[in-house]
């Protein structure tokens, strides 16, 4: 599985941003990660889909290989969405599918309402129009500045302490892999989370720039767009009741699957997730 490094300018022209591009014969798909994550989150899914589809997998500003923003007020989904349109415009992509994990799913819903003619499908990974308060509070509790780790084992131990309830079946090796996706080793030899700690500034359950105030109004504009909802069976962000309401308010192709032994969020390399994504894409092709 290989990809090309792609650099582009942010929508405001101030930052150098990064995306992985996996070539494929099928239609393009834009894969967008969650709040503290980066393009590495999609390695398993990209390995499954690359060659079949052209995959665009960005690091949002402040994450991974994209520049940190000196103004933390710009760390909001509305700004990230503008960056995504700049990325797609630069690649001259006019029609594609969207896959979004958590914050990336919020962005995907926003993008599909802003330019509905541009997107032909939507896969939401453990996110929907209602965000459970308990899960949002949990995320708020761990996002921000952390002391660097002296070893990859300590980084893996930290990841397990924060996310262990969401991945109860993970082995020690799984946590090592997880840590190498969400952390980076810098020139001083120490290991840091691979995001700007300033993304936590303004992270509030009542801040409309973090979670738009009426996501159901956004959802209702997507009633004809084919949608797949992937939910962690242990999720504290997306409830089964929310998924049921999403289905009731949707008039077109709608599929949903629960991933066992996963909380927020499934990694999309699970067999159940891959099978659901393949079925969804096959239905769209018919």
Protein backbone atom coordinates (compact mmCIF):
# COMPACT_ATOMS: atom_id res chain seq x y z
CA UNK A 1 0.00 0.00 0.00
CA UNK A 2 1.65 3.21 -1.17
CA UNK A 3 0.54 6.80 -1.27
CA UNK A 4 1.84 10.08 -2.60
CA UNK A 5 2.53 13.03 -0.33
CA UNK A 6 0.44 16.02 -1.36
CA UNK A 7 1.01 19.54 -0.07
CA UNK A 8 -1.41 22.42 -0.52
CA UNK A 9 -2.21 25.82 0.94
CA UNK A 10 -4.96 26.36 3.45
CA UNK A 11 -8.09 28.21 2.33
CA UNK A 12 -6.88 31.40 4.04
CA UNK A 13 -3.47 31.09 2.34
CA UNK A 14 -1.56 31.12 5.63
CA UNK A 15 -0.62 27.49 6.24
CA UNK A 16 0.98 24.56 4.44
CA UNK A 17 -1.28 21.55 4.77
CA UNK A 18 -0.74 17.88 3.97
CA UNK A 19 -2.72 14.97 2.55
CA UNK A 20 -2.01 11.42 1.52
CA UNK A 21 -3.20 10.47 -1.96
CA UNK A 22 -3.83 6.79 -2.71
CA UNK A 23 -4.41 6.17 -6.40
CA UNK A 24 -7.21 3.94 -7.62
CA UNK A 25 -9.42 3.33 -10.62
CA UNK A 26 -12.77 4.11 -9.00
CA UNK A 27 -14.42 7.32 -7.91
CA UNK A 28 -12.64 9.59 -5.41
CA UNK A 29 -13.31 9.39 -1.67
CA UNK A 30 -12.34 12.03 0.90
CA UNK A 31 -11.48 10.53 4.30
CA UNK A 32 -11.50 12.95 7.27
CA UNK A 33 -10.23 12.11 10.75
CA UNK A 34 -11.39 13.04 14.24
CA UNK A 35 -10.43 15.83 16.62
CA UNK A 36 -7.02 14.66 17.85
CA UNK A 37 -6.17 12.26 15.06
CA UNK A 38 -4.59 12.38 11.61
CA UNK A 39 -4.38 10.58 8.28
CA UNK A 40 -2.68 7.59 9.90
CA UNK A 41 -6.03 6.62 11.40
CA UNK A 42 -7.18 5.38 8.00
CA UNK A 43 -4.28 3.08 7.16
CA UNK A 44 -6.32 -0.10 7.56
CA UNK A 45 -9.24 1.22 5.52
CA UNK A 46 -6.91 2.68 2.88
CA UNK A 47 -5.21 -0.67 2.55
CA UNK A 48 -8.60 -2.23 1.86
CA UNK A 49 -9.88 0.42 -0.55
CA UNK A 50 -6.77 1.66 -2.36
CA UNK A 51 -6.61 0.55 -5.97
CA UNK A 52 -10.40 0.40 -6.08
CA UNK A 53 -10.89 4.11 -5.34
CA UNK A 54 -8.82 7.27 -5.39
CA UNK A 55 -8.42 8.18 -1.71
CA UNK A 56 -7.67 11.67 -0.42
CA UNK A 57 -6.70 11.52 3.26
CA UNK A 58 -5.73 14.89 4.78
CA UNK A 59 -4.20 15.97 8.07
CA UNK A 60 -6.34 18.86 9.27
CA UNK A 61 -4.49 22.02 10.28
CA UNK A 62 -2.73 21.49 13.60
CA UNK A 63 -2.46 17.73 13.12
CA UNK A 64 0.10 15.34 11.71
CA UNK A 65 2.20 16.88 8.96
CA UNK A 66 0.04 19.98 8.50
CA UNK A 67 1.14 23.31 9.95
CA UNK A 68 -0.01 24.41 13.36
CA UNK A 69 -2.13 27.55 13.30
CA UNK A 70 -0.73 30.44 15.37
CA UNK A 71 -4.32 31.57 16.01
CA UNK A 72 -6.19 28.86 17.95
CA UNK A 73 -9.53 30.47 17.07
CA UNK A 74 -9.11 28.91 13.63
CA UNK A 75 -9.31 25.38 15.05
CA UNK A 76 -12.98 24.93 14.20
CA UNK A 77 -14.90 22.65 11.81
CA UNK A 78 -16.05 25.65 9.75
CA UNK A 79 -12.42 26.55 8.98
CA UNK A 80 -11.43 22.93 8.34
CA UNK A 81 -14.28 22.63 5.85
CA UNK A 82 -12.94 25.59 3.89
CA UNK A 83 -9.52 23.89 3.86
CA UNK A 84 -11.14 20.75 2.45
CA UNK A 85 -12.78 22.66 -0.37
CA UNK A 86 -9.39 24.25 -1.15
CA UNK A 87 -7.87 20.76 -1.27
CA UNK A 88 -10.56 19.41 -3.60
CA UNK A 89 -10.47 22.48 -5.84
CA UNK A 90 -6.70 22.17 -6.17
CA UNK A 91 -7.08 18.53 -7.20
CA UNK A 92 -9.90 19.46 -9.62
CA UNK A 93 -12.27 16.93 -8.06
CA UNK A 94 -15.91 17.74 -8.71
CA UNK A 95 -17.78 14.58 -7.65
CA UNK A 96 -16.88 12.18 -4.86
CA UNK A 97 -17.88 10.37 -1.68
CA UNK A 98 -17.25 11.43 1.90
CA UNK A 99 -16.05 9.34 4.85
CA UNK A 100 -15.79 11.11 8.21
CA UNK A 101 -14.80 9.92 11.67
CA UNK A 102 -16.23 11.89 14.60
CA UNK A 103 -15.27 15.54 13.90
CA UNK A 104 -14.58 14.50 10.32
CA UNK A 105 -18.16 13.28 10.11
CA UNK A 106 -19.48 16.63 11.33
CA UNK A 107 -17.38 18.24 8.61
CA UNK A 108 -18.72 15.81 6.02
CA UNK A 109 -22.33 16.67 6.89
CA UNK A 110 -21.54 20.37 6.68
CA UNK A 111 -19.79 19.99 3.32
CA UNK A 112 -22.63 17.95 1.85
CA UNK A 113 -25.13 20.69 2.73
CA UNK A 114 -22.89 23.47 1.44
CA UNK A 115 -22.17 21.89 -1.97
CA UNK A 116 -24.68 19.03 -2.37
CA UNK A 117 -23.99 18.65 -6.09
CA UNK A 118 -20.41 17.68 -5.31
CA UNK A 119 -20.96 14.61 -3.13
CA UNK A 120 -22.65 11.31 -3.98
CA UNK A 121 -22.38 9.39 -0.69
CA UNK A 122 -21.64 9.80 3.00
CA UNK A 123 -20.16 7.37 5.51
CA UNK A 124 -20.31 8.56 9.14
CA UNK A 125 -18.07 6.85 11.69
CA UNK A 126 -19.57 7.10 15.18
CA UNK A 127 -21.09 10.54 14.80
CA UNK A 128 -24.53 11.91 14.05
CA UNK A 129 -26.81 14.90 14.54
CA UNK A 130 -26.92 14.40 18.33
CA UNK A 131 -23.71 14.19 20.37
CA UNK A 132 -24.04 12.59 23.81
CA UNK A 133 -22.88 14.95 26.55
CA UNK A 134 -21.02 12.25 28.49
CA UNK A 135 -18.82 11.41 25.53
CA UNK A 136 -18.11 15.05 24.76
CA UNK A 137 -17.08 15.62 28.38
CA UNK A 138 -14.75 12.63 28.22
CA UNK A 139 -13.05 14.02 25.11
CA UNK A 140 -12.70 17.43 26.76
CA UNK A 141 -10.95 15.76 29.69
CA UNK A 142 -7.96 14.52 27.71
CA UNK A 143 -7.45 17.00 24.83
CA UNK A 144 -4.66 19.50 25.42
CA UNK A 145 -1.02 19.84 26.38
CA UNK A 146 0.72 16.72 27.69
CA UNK A 147 4.26 16.13 28.83
CA UNK A 148 6.24 14.21 26.19
CA UNK A 149 6.78 10.50 26.61
CA UNK A 150 10.25 9.01 27.04
CA UNK A 151 9.42 5.81 25.15
CA UNK A 152 6.89 4.34 22.79
CA UNK A 153 5.81 2.01 25.58
CA UNK A 154 4.87 4.98 27.76
CA UNK A 155 2.99 6.51 24.84
CA UNK A 156 1.11 3.23 24.33
CA UNK A 157 0.33 3.06 28.05
CA UNK A 158 -1.12 6.56 27.90
CA UNK A 159 -3.27 5.72 24.89
CA UNK A 160 -4.60 2.65 26.69
CA UNK A 161 -5.39 4.68 29.82
CA UNK A 162 -7.43 7.17 27.76
CA UNK A 163 -9.05 4.91 25.18
CA UNK A 164 -9.03 1.48 26.81
CA UNK A 165 -12.79 1.39 27.36
CA UNK A 166 -13.35 1.91 23.63
CA UNK A 167 -11.08 -1.00 22.62
CA UNK A 168 -11.46 -3.62 25.38
CA UNK A 169 -10.01 -6.42 23.24
CA UNK A 170 -6.82 -4.60 22.22
CA UNK A 171 -3.52 -6.37 22.86
CA UNK A 172 -0.25 -4.75 23.92
CA UNK A 173 0.82 -4.79 20.26
CA UNK A 174 -2.43 -3.12 19.21
CA UNK A 175 -1.74 -0.26 21.61
CA UNK A 176 1.76 0.13 20.19
CA UNK A 177 0.27 0.49 16.71
CA UNK A 178 -2.36 2.90 18.02
CA UNK A 179 0.31 5.06 19.66
CA UNK A 180 2.33 5.27 16.47
CA UNK A 181 -0.75 6.56 14.66
CA UNK A 182 -1.54 9.33 17.14
CA UNK A 183 1.96 10.27 18.33
CA UNK A 184 5.19 11.37 16.70
CA UNK A 185 8.85 11.19 17.65
CA UNK A 186 10.61 14.54 17.32
CA UNK A 187 14.22 15.60 16.97
CA UNK A 188 14.82 15.52 20.74
CA UNK A 189 14.05 11.80 20.72
CA UNK A 190 10.94 12.17 22.82
CA UNK A 191 7.41 11.27 21.75
CA UNK A 192 4.59 13.80 21.53
CA UNK A 193 0.93 13.68 20.61
CA UNK A 194 0.74 14.48 16.89
CA UNK A 195 -1.45 17.54 17.27
CA UNK A 196 -1.18 21.14 18.40
CA UNK A 197 -2.31 21.29 22.06
CA UNK A 198 -4.05 24.56 21.19
CA UNK A 199 -6.83 22.62 19.44
CA UNK A 200 -8.31 22.27 22.94
CA UNK A 201 -8.85 26.03 23.26
CA UNK A 202 -12.50 26.80 22.80
CA UNK A 203 -13.49 23.11 22.99
CA UNK A 204 -16.80 23.51 24.76
CA UNK A 205 -20.07 21.66 24.57
CA UNK A 206 -21.82 25.00 24.15
CA UNK A 207 -19.48 26.48 21.56
CA UNK A 208 -21.27 26.46 18.17
CA UNK A 209 -17.94 26.50 16.34
CA UNK A 210 -17.14 23.08 17.84
CA UNK A 211 -20.53 21.44 17.53
CA UNK A 212 -23.03 23.37 15.35
CA UNK A 213 -26.14 24.25 17.37
CA UNK A 214 -28.72 22.36 15.30
CA UNK A 215 -27.24 19.32 13.66
CA UNK A 216 -30.69 17.89 12.98
CA UNK A 217 -31.36 20.80 10.63
CA UNK A 218 -28.19 19.84 8.78
CA UNK A 219 -29.17 16.17 8.76
CA UNK A 220 -32.61 16.91 7.32
CA UNK A 221 -30.96 18.53 4.29
CA UNK A 222 -29.22 15.21 3.54
CA UNK A 223 -32.35 13.07 3.33
CA UNK A 224 -31.72 12.00 -0.27
CA UNK A 225 -27.95 11.40 0.02
CA UNK A 226 -26.95 7.72 0.38
CA UNK A 227 -25.63 7.26 3.92
CA UNK A 228 -23.91 4.53 5.91
CA UNK A 229 -23.64 5.01 9.68
CA UNK A 230 -20.98 2.98 11.48
CA UNK A 231 -21.40 2.97 15.26
CA UNK A 232 -19.24 1.56 18.00
CA UNK A 233 -21.50 -0.71 20.05
CA UNK A 234 -19.93 0.78 23.21
CA UNK A 235 -20.05 4.38 21.97
CA UNK A 236 -20.64 7.23 24.41
CA UNK A 237 -20.97 9.74 21.54
CA UNK A 238 -23.51 8.19 19.18
CA UNK A 239 -26.50 6.41 20.71
CA UNK A 240 -28.60 3.70 19.09
CA UNK A 241 -31.62 5.98 19.57
CA UNK A 242 -29.94 8.71 17.52
CA UNK A 243 -29.22 6.27 14.70
CA UNK A 244 -32.85 5.14 14.73
CA UNK A 245 -34.03 8.76 14.50
CA UNK A 246 -31.58 9.41 11.66
CA UNK A 247 -33.12 6.52 9.74
CA UNK A 248 -36.67 7.78 10.33
CA UNK A 249 -35.76 11.20 8.95
CA UNK A 250 -33.94 9.87 5.87
CA UNK A 251 -35.77 9.12 2.62
CA UNK A 252 -33.06 7.50 0.50
CA UNK A 253 -30.42 4.76 0.83
CA UNK A 254 -29.59 4.40 4.52
CA UNK A 255 -27.61 1.63 6.20
CA UNK A 256 -26.27 1.29 9.72
CA UNK A 257 -24.04 -1.20 11.50
CA UNK A 258 -22.81 -1.62 15.07
CA UNK A 259 -19.20 -2.70 15.55
CA UNK A 260 -18.83 -5.03 18.56
CA UNK A 261 -16.23 -4.32 21.24
CA UNK A 262 -15.71 -0.78 19.99
CA UNK A 263 -16.53 2.55 21.56
CA UNK A 264 -15.71 5.95 20.11
CA UNK A 265 -14.48 5.40 17.47
CA UNK A 266 -14.14 2.21 15.40
CA UNK A 267 -10.88 2.20 13.44
CA UNK A 268 -12.66 1.06 10.24
CA UNK A 269 -10.32 -1.88 9.87
CA UNK A 270 -12.69 -4.18 11.74
CA UNK A 271 -14.17 -6.97 9.56
CA UNK A 272 -17.72 -5.78 10.28
CA UNK A 273 -16.86 -2.21 9.24
CA UNK A 274 -15.08 -3.28 6.06
CA UNK A 275 -17.95 -5.58 5.08
CA UNK A 276 -20.51 -2.80 5.65
CA UNK A 277 -18.48 -0.33 3.58
CA UNK A 278 -18.13 -2.85 0.74
CA UNK A 279 -21.88 -3.55 0.75
CA UNK A 280 -22.66 0.14 0.75
CA UNK A 281 -20.39 0.87 -2.18
CA UNK A 282 -21.71 -2.15 -4.07
CA UNK A 283 -25.28 -0.89 -3.63
CA UNK A 284 -24.28 2.53 -4.97
CA UNK A 285 -22.73 0.91 -8.02
CA UNK A 286 -25.92 -1.00 -8.91
